[in-house]
Amino acid sequence: MNDEERREAAVKRLKYKRDFRNHVAAYVLVDALLVTIWAFSGGGYFWPIWSIAGWGIGLAFNAWAV
């Protein structure tokens, strides 16, 4: 592996890490918004768990890939 190939691989890893951080930020913001909506609508059945769990599984696979 020459220097150019190593540089391309490093840039690719950095891009994956940046994309993962963006994915985590979106996950936290959206799920916090859903929990806030749930809380202000009177609570009851905790329906945001479906988004938290489903998206969390996708996020875990993304973390595994990164």
PDB file of N, CA and C in Angstrom:
ATOM      1  N   MET A   1       0.848  -1.170   0.000  1.00  0.00           N
ATOM      2  CA  MET A   1       0.000   0.000   0.000  1.00  0.00           C
ATOM      3  C   MET A   1       0.899   1.241   0.000  1.00  0.00           C
ATOM      4  N   ASN A   2       0.728   2.085  -0.987  1.00  0.00           N
ATOM      5  CA  ASN A   2       1.549   3.291  -1.057  1.00  0.00           C
ATOM      6  C   ASN A   2       0.907   4.430  -0.263  1.00  0.00           C
ATOM      7  N   ASP A   3       1.584   5.561  -0.225  1.00  0.00           N
ATOM      8  CA  ASP A   3       1.118   6.689   0.577  1.00  0.00           C
ATOM      9  C   ASP A   3      -0.236   7.218   0.107  1.00  0.00           C
ATOM     10  N   GLU A   4      -0.445   7.257  -1.198  1.00  0.00           N
ATOM     11  CA  GLU A   4      -1.713   7.769  -1.732  1.00  0.00           C
ATOM     12  C   GLU A   4      -2.884   6.868  -1.335  1.00  0.00           C
ATOM     13  N   GLU A   5      -2.695   5.563  -1.392  1.00  0.00           N
ATOM     14  CA  GLU A   5      -3.759   4.635  -0.997  1.00  0.00           C
ATOM     15  C   GLU A   5      -4.061   4.751   0.494  1.00  0.00           C
ATOM     16  N   ARG A   6      -3.020   4.916   1.313  1.00  0.00           N
ATOM     17  CA  ARG A   6      -3.221   5.087   2.754  1.00  0.00           C
ATOM     18  C   ARG A   6      -3.974   6.380   3.044  1.00  0.00           C
ATOM     19  N   ARG A   7      -3.622   7.430   2.310  1.00  0.00           N
ATOM     20  CA  ARG A   7      -4.306   8.711   2.498  1.00  0.00           C
ATOM     21  C   ARG A   7      -5.781   8.589   2.122  1.00  0.00           C
ATOM     22  N   GLU A   8      -6.078   7.944   1.011  1.00  0.00           N
ATOM     23  CA  GLU A   8      -7.469   7.758   0.589  1.00  0.00           C
ATOM     24  C   GLU A   8      -8.250   6.943   1.614  1.00  0.00           C
ATOM     25  N   ALA A   9      -7.616   5.903   2.158  1.00  0.00           N
ATOM     26  CA  ALA A   9      -8.277   5.084   3.178  1.00  0.00           C
ATOM     27  C   ALA A   9      -8.541   5.898   4.438  1.00  0.00           C
ATOM     28  N   ALA A  10      -7.575   6.736   4.837  1.00  0.00           N
ATOM     29  CA  ALA A  10      -7.752   7.574   6.032  1.00  0.00           C
ATOM     30  C   ALA A  10      -8.870   8.590   5.826  1.00  0.00           C
ATOM     31  N   VAL A  11      -8.917   9.204   4.654  1.00  0.00           N
ATOM     32  CA  VAL A  11      -9.978  10.175   4.351  1.00  0.00           C
ATOM     33  C   VAL A  11     -11.341   9.481   4.366  1.00  0.00           C
ATOM     34  N   LYS A  12     -11.399   8.292   3.833  1.00  0.00           N
ATOM     35  CA  LYS A  12     -12.644   7.522   3.808  1.00  0.00           C
ATOM     36  C   LYS A  12     -13.120   7.209   5.233  1.00  0.00           C
ATOM     37  N   ARG A  13     -12.188   6.789   6.114  1.00  0.00           N
ATOM     38  CA  ARG A  13     -12.540   6.510   7.510  1.00  0.00           C
ATOM     39  C   ARG A  13     -13.040   7.773   8.210  1.00  0.00           C
ATOM     40  N   LEU A  14     -12.383   8.888   7.970  1.00  0.00           N
ATOM     41  CA  LEU A  14     -12.812  10.146   8.586  1.00  0.00           C
ATOM     42  C   LEU A  14     -14.206  10.550   8.118  1.00  0.00           C
ATOM     43  N   LYS A  15     -14.501  10.329   6.838  1.00  0.00           N
ATOM     44  CA  LYS A  15     -15.829  10.641   6.319  1.00  0.00           C
ATOM     45  C   LYS A  15     -16.882   9.760   6.987  1.00  0.00           C
ATOM     46  N   TYR A  16     -16.598   8.464   7.133  1.00  0.00           N
ATOM     47  CA  TYR A  16     -17.535   7.559   7.802  1.00  0.00           C
ATOM     48  C   TYR A  16     -17.779   7.993   9.241  1.00  0.00           C
ATOM     49  N   LYS A  17     -16.721   8.411   9.937  1.00  0.00           N
ATOM     50  CA  LYS A  17     -16.868   8.850  11.327  1.00  0.00           C
ATOM     51  C   LYS A  17     -17.697  10.123  11.413  1.00  0.00           C
ATOM     52  N   ARG A  18     -17.459  11.073  10.498  1.00  0.00           N
ATOM     53  CA  ARG A  18     -18.237  12.309  10.482  1.00  0.00           C
ATOM     54  C   ARG A  18     -19.706  12.009  10.201  1.00  0.00           C
ATOM     55  N   ASP A  19     -19.966  11.138   9.236  1.00  0.00           N
ATOM     56  CA  ASP A  19     -21.346  10.773   8.918  1.00  0.00           C
ATOM     57  C   ASP A  19     -22.018  10.086  10.106  1.00  0.00           C
ATOM     58  N   PHE A  20     -21.264   9.272  10.837  1.00  0.00           N
ATOM     59  CA  PHE A  20     -21.817   8.599  12.014  1.00  0.00           C
ATOM     60  C   PHE A  20     -22.169   9.621  13.094  1.00  0.00           C
ATOM     61  N   ARG A  21     -21.300  10.601  13.324  1.00  0.00           N
ATOM     62  CA  ARG A  21     -21.600  11.645  14.314  1.00  0.00           C
ATOM     63  C   ARG A  21     -22.870  12.403  13.934  1.00  0.00           C
ATOM     64  N   ASN A  22     -23.033  12.687  12.660  1.00  0.00           N
ATOM     65  CA  ASN A  22     -24.258  13.354  12.196  1.00  0.00           C
ATOM     66  C   ASN A  22     -25.482  12.481  12.419  1.00  0.00           C
ATOM     67  N   HIS A  23     -25.333  11.178  12.206  1.00  0.00           N
ATOM     68  CA  HIS A  23     -26.424  10.237  12.404  1.00  0.00           C
ATOM     69  C   HIS A  23     -26.819  10.197  13.887  1.00  0.00           C
ATOM     70  N   VAL A  24     -25.832  10.174  14.769  1.00  0.00           N
ATOM     71  CA  VAL A  24     -26.111  10.167  16.207  1.00  0.00           C
ATOM     72  C   VAL A  24     -26.811  11.462  16.622  1.00  0.00           C
ATOM     73  N   ALA A  25     -26.343  12.589  16.106  1.00  0.00           N
ATOM     74  CA  ALA A  25     -26.956  13.875  16.448  1.00  0.00           C
ATOM     75  C   ALA A  25     -28.421  13.918  16.006  1.00  0.00           C
ATOM     76  N   ALA A  26     -28.697  13.451  14.804  1.00  0.00           N
ATOM     77  CA  ALA A  26     -30.075  13.430  14.314  1.00  0.00           C
ATOM     78  C   ALA A  26     -30.936  12.497  15.168  1.00  0.00           C
ATOM     79  N   TYR A  27     -30.392  11.353  15.530  1.00  0.00           N
ATOM     80  CA  TYR A  27     -31.099  10.375  16.372  1.00  0.00           C
ATOM     81  C   TYR A  27     -31.489  11.007  17.707  1.00  0.00           C
ATOM     82  N   VAL A  28     -30.528  11.656  18.347  1.00  0.00           N
ATOM     83  CA  VAL A  28     -30.786  12.255  19.657  1.00  0.00           C
ATOM     84  C   VAL A  28     -31.810  13.386  19.549  1.00  0.00           C
ATOM     85  N   LEU A  29     -31.647  14.256  18.571  1.00  0.00           N
ATOM     86  CA  LEU A  29     -32.561  15.389  18.434  1.00  0.00           C
ATOM     87  C   LEU A  29     -33.988  14.949  18.123  1.00  0.00           C
ATOM     88  N   VAL A  30     -34.135  14.048  17.172  1.00  0.00           N
ATOM     89  CA  VAL A  30     -35.482  13.604  16.784  1.00  0.00           C
ATOM     90  C   VAL A  30     -36.147  12.847  17.924  1.00  0.00           C
ATOM     91  N   ASP A  31     -35.424  11.961  18.567  1.00  0.00           N
ATOM     92  CA  ASP A  31     -36.038  11.200  19.655  1.00  0.00           C
ATOM     93  C   ASP A  31     -36.332  12.080  20.864  1.00  0.00           C
ATOM     94  N   ALA A  32     -35.495  13.075  21.122  1.00  0.00           N
ATOM     95  CA  ALA A  32     -35.803  14.020  22.201  1.00  0.00           C
ATOM     96  C   ALA A  32     -37.077  14.797  21.871  1.00  0.00           C
ATOM     97  N   LEU A  33     -37.233  15.191  20.618  1.00  0.00           N
ATOM     98  CA  LEU A  33     -38.448  15.879  20.198  1.00  0.00           C
ATOM     99  C   LEU A  33     -39.668  14.969  20.372  1.00  0.00           C
ATOM    100  N   LEU A  34     -39.555  13.720  19.989  1.00  0.00           N
ATOM    101  CA  LEU A  34     -40.688  12.794  20.137  1.00  0.00           C
ATOM    102  C   LEU A  34     -41.050  12.572  21.600  1.00  0.00           C
ATOM    103  N   VAL A  35     -40.043  12.462  22.466  1.00  0.00           N
ATOM    104  CA  VAL A  35     -40.313  12.291  23.898  1.00  0.00           C
ATOM    105  C   VAL A  35     -40.959  13.552  24.463  1.00  0.00           C
ATOM    106  N   THR A  36     -40.524  14.714  23.994  1.00  0.00           N
ATOM    107  CA  THR A  36     -41.133  15.969  24.438  1.00  0.00           C
ATOM    108  C   THR A  36     -42.594  16.039  24.008  1.00  0.00           C
ATOM    109  N   ILE A  37     -42.869  15.668  22.774  1.00  0.00           N
ATOM    110  CA  ILE A  37     -44.256  15.650  22.288  1.00  0.00           C
ATOM    111  C   ILE A  37     -45.082  14.691  23.121  1.00  0.00           C
ATOM    112  N   TRP A  38     -44.528  13.523  23.392  1.00  0.00           N
ATOM    113  CA  TRP A  38     -45.227  12.525  24.217  1.00  0.00           C
ATOM    114  C   TRP A  38     -45.539  13.101  25.596  1.00  0.00           C
ATOM    115  N   ALA A  39     -44.550  13.757  26.213  1.00  0.00           N
ATOM    116  CA  ALA A  39     -44.728  14.293  27.563  1.00  0.00           C
ATOM    117  C   ALA A  39     -45.785  15.398  27.587  1.00  0.00           C
ATOM    118  N   PHE A  40     -45.752  16.293  26.593  1.00  0.00           N
ATOM    119  CA  PHE A  40     -46.716  17.394  26.562  1.00  0.00           C
ATOM    120  C   PHE A  40     -48.111  16.949  26.144  1.00  0.00           C
ATOM    121  N   SER A  41     -48.221  15.778  25.557  1.00  0.00           N
ATOM    122  CA  SER A  41     -49.546  15.308  25.146  1.00  0.00           C
ATOM    123  C   SER A  41     -50.201  14.460  26.237  1.00  0.00           C
ATOM    124  N   GLY A  42     -49.606  14.435  27.410  1.00  0.00           N
ATOM    125  CA  GLY A  42     -50.267  13.767  28.528  1.00  0.00           C
ATOM    126  C   GLY A  42     -49.619  12.470  28.964  1.00  0.00           C
ATOM    127  N   GLY A  43     -48.541  12.078  28.333  1.00  0.00           N
ATOM    128  CA  GLY A  43     -47.875  10.838  28.750  1.00  0.00           C
ATOM    129  C   GLY A  43     -48.658   9.622  28.311  1.00  0.00           C
ATOM    130  N   GLY A  44     -48.894   8.738  29.237  1.00  0.00           N
ATOM    131  CA  GLY A  44     -49.587   7.497  28.902  1.00  0.00           C
ATOM    132  C   GLY A  44     -48.629   6.498  28.282  1.00  0.00           C
ATOM    133  N   TYR A  45     -49.135   5.754  27.308  1.00  0.00           N
ATOM    134  CA  TYR A  45     -48.322   4.746  26.632  1.00  0.00           C
ATOM    135  C   TYR A  45     -47.096   5.404  25.992  1.00  0.00           C
ATOM    136  N   PHE A  46     -45.929   4.886  26.286  1.00  0.00           N
ATOM    137  CA  PHE A  46     -44.680   5.490  25.799  1.00  0.00           C
ATOM    138  C   PHE A  46     -44.413   5.045  24.366  1.00  0.00           C
ATOM    139  N   TRP A  47     -45.120   5.668  23.431  1.00  0.00           N
ATOM    140  CA  TRP A  47     -44.995   5.314  22.013  1.00  0.00           C
ATOM    141  C   TRP A  47     -43.674   5.709  21.380  1.00  0.00           C
ATOM    142  N   PRO A  48     -42.893   6.685  21.900  1.00  0.00           N
ATOM    143  CA  PRO A  48     -41.607   7.000  21.260  1.00  0.00           C
ATOM    144  C   PRO A  48     -40.608   5.844  21.313  1.00  0.00           C
ATOM    145  N   ILE A  49     -40.883   4.846  22.145  1.00  0.00           N
ATOM    146  CA  ILE A  49     -39.961   3.707  22.238  1.00  0.00           C
ATOM    147  C   ILE A  49     -39.794   3.022  20.895  1.00  0.00           C
ATOM    148  N   TRP A  50     -40.825   3.071  20.048  1.00  0.00           N
ATOM    149  CA  TRP A  50     -40.734   2.407  18.746  1.00  0.00           C
ATOM    150  C   TRP A  50     -39.699   3.089  17.854  1.00  0.00           C
ATOM    151  N   SER A  51     -39.671   4.396  17.883  1.00  0.00           N
ATOM    152  CA  SER A  51     -38.656   5.123  17.122  1.00  0.00           C
ATOM    153  C   SER A  51     -37.280   4.930  17.754  1.00  0.00           C
ATOM    154  N   ILE A  52     -37.218   5.037  19.069  1.00  0.00           N
ATOM    155  CA  ILE A  52     -35.941   4.899  19.768  1.00  0.00           C
ATOM    156  C   ILE A  52     -35.337   3.526  19.508  1.00  0.00           C
ATOM    157  N   ALA A  53     -36.141   2.490  19.628  1.00  0.00           N
ATOM    158  CA  ALA A  53     -35.635   1.125  19.444  1.00  0.00           C
ATOM    159  C   ALA A  53     -35.315   0.839  17.978  1.00  0.00           C
ATOM    160  N   GLY A  54     -36.229   1.170  17.088  1.00  0.00           N
ATOM    161  CA  GLY A  54     -36.020   0.868  15.675  1.00  0.00           C
ATOM    162  C   GLY A  54     -34.832   1.603  15.086  1.00  0.00           C
ATOM    163  N   TRP A  55     -34.788   2.894  15.321  1.00  0.00           N
ATOM    164  CA  TRP A  55     -33.684   3.698  14.804  1.00  0.00           C
ATOM    165  C   TRP A  55     -32.398   3.330  15.531  1.00  0.00           C
ATOM    166  N   GLY A  56     -32.513   2.971  16.812  1.00  0.00           N
ATOM    167  CA  GLY A  56     -31.336   2.561  17.578  1.00  0.00           C
ATOM    168  C   GLY A  56     -30.675   1.323  17.001  1.00  0.00           C
ATOM    169  N   ILE A  57     -31.481   0.398  16.496  1.00  0.00           N
ATOM    170  CA  ILE A  57     -30.924  -0.803  15.858  1.00  0.00           C
ATOM    171  C   ILE A  57     -30.143  -0.400  14.611  1.00  0.00           C
ATOM    172  N   GLY A  58     -30.732   0.476  13.811  1.00  0.00           N
ATOM    173  CA  GLY A  58     -30.027   0.965  12.625  1.00  0.00           C
ATOM    174  C   GLY A  58     -28.752   1.702  12.988  1.00  0.00           C
ATOM    175  N   LEU A  59     -28.802   2.477  14.053  1.00  0.00           N
ATOM    176  CA  LEU A  59     -27.626   3.209  14.520  1.00  0.00           C
ATOM    177  C   LEU A  59     -26.546   2.243  14.996  1.00  0.00           C
ATOM    178  N   ALA A  60     -26.953   1.166  15.643  1.00  0.00           N
ATOM    179  CA  ALA A  60     -25.975   0.171  16.097  1.00  0.00           C
ATOM    180  C   ALA A  60     -25.278  -0.479  14.916  1.00  0.00           C
ATOM    181  N   PHE A  61     -26.014  -0.794  13.863  1.00  0.00           N
ATOM    182  CA  PHE A  61     -25.391  -1.357  12.670  1.00  0.00           C
ATOM    183  C   PHE A  61     -24.445  -0.370  12.007  1.00  0.00           C
ATOM    184  N   ASN A  62     -24.833   0.905  12.012  1.00  0.00           N
ATOM    185  CA  ASN A  62     -23.965   1.946  11.476  1.00  0.00           C
ATOM    186  C   ASN A  62     -22.689   2.042  12.298  1.00  0.00           C
ATOM    187  N   ALA A  63     -22.815   1.975  13.626  1.00  0.00           N
ATOM    188  CA  ALA A  63     -21.639   2.027  14.504  1.00  0.00           C
ATOM    189  C   ALA A  63     -20.737   0.827  14.244  1.00  0.00           C
ATOM    190  N   TRP A  64     -21.323  -0.320  14.029  1.00  0.00           N
ATOM    191  CA  TRP A  64     -20.545  -1.529  13.742  1.00  0.00           C
ATOM    192  C   TRP A  64     -19.738  -1.342  12.455  1.00  0.00           C
ATOM    193  N   ALA A  65     -20.344  -0.741  11.459  1.00  0.00           N
ATOM    194  CA  ALA A  65     -19.680  -0.539  10.175  1.00  0.00           C
ATOM    195  C   ALA A  65     -18.554   0.490  10.278  1.00  0.00           C
ATOM    196  N   VAL A  66     -18.755   1.477  11.136  1.00  0.00           N
ATOM    197  CA  VAL A  66     -17.722   2.521  11.280  1.00  0.00           C
ATOM    198  C   VAL A  66     -16.595   1.965  12.116  1.00  0.00           C
TER     199      VAL A  66
END
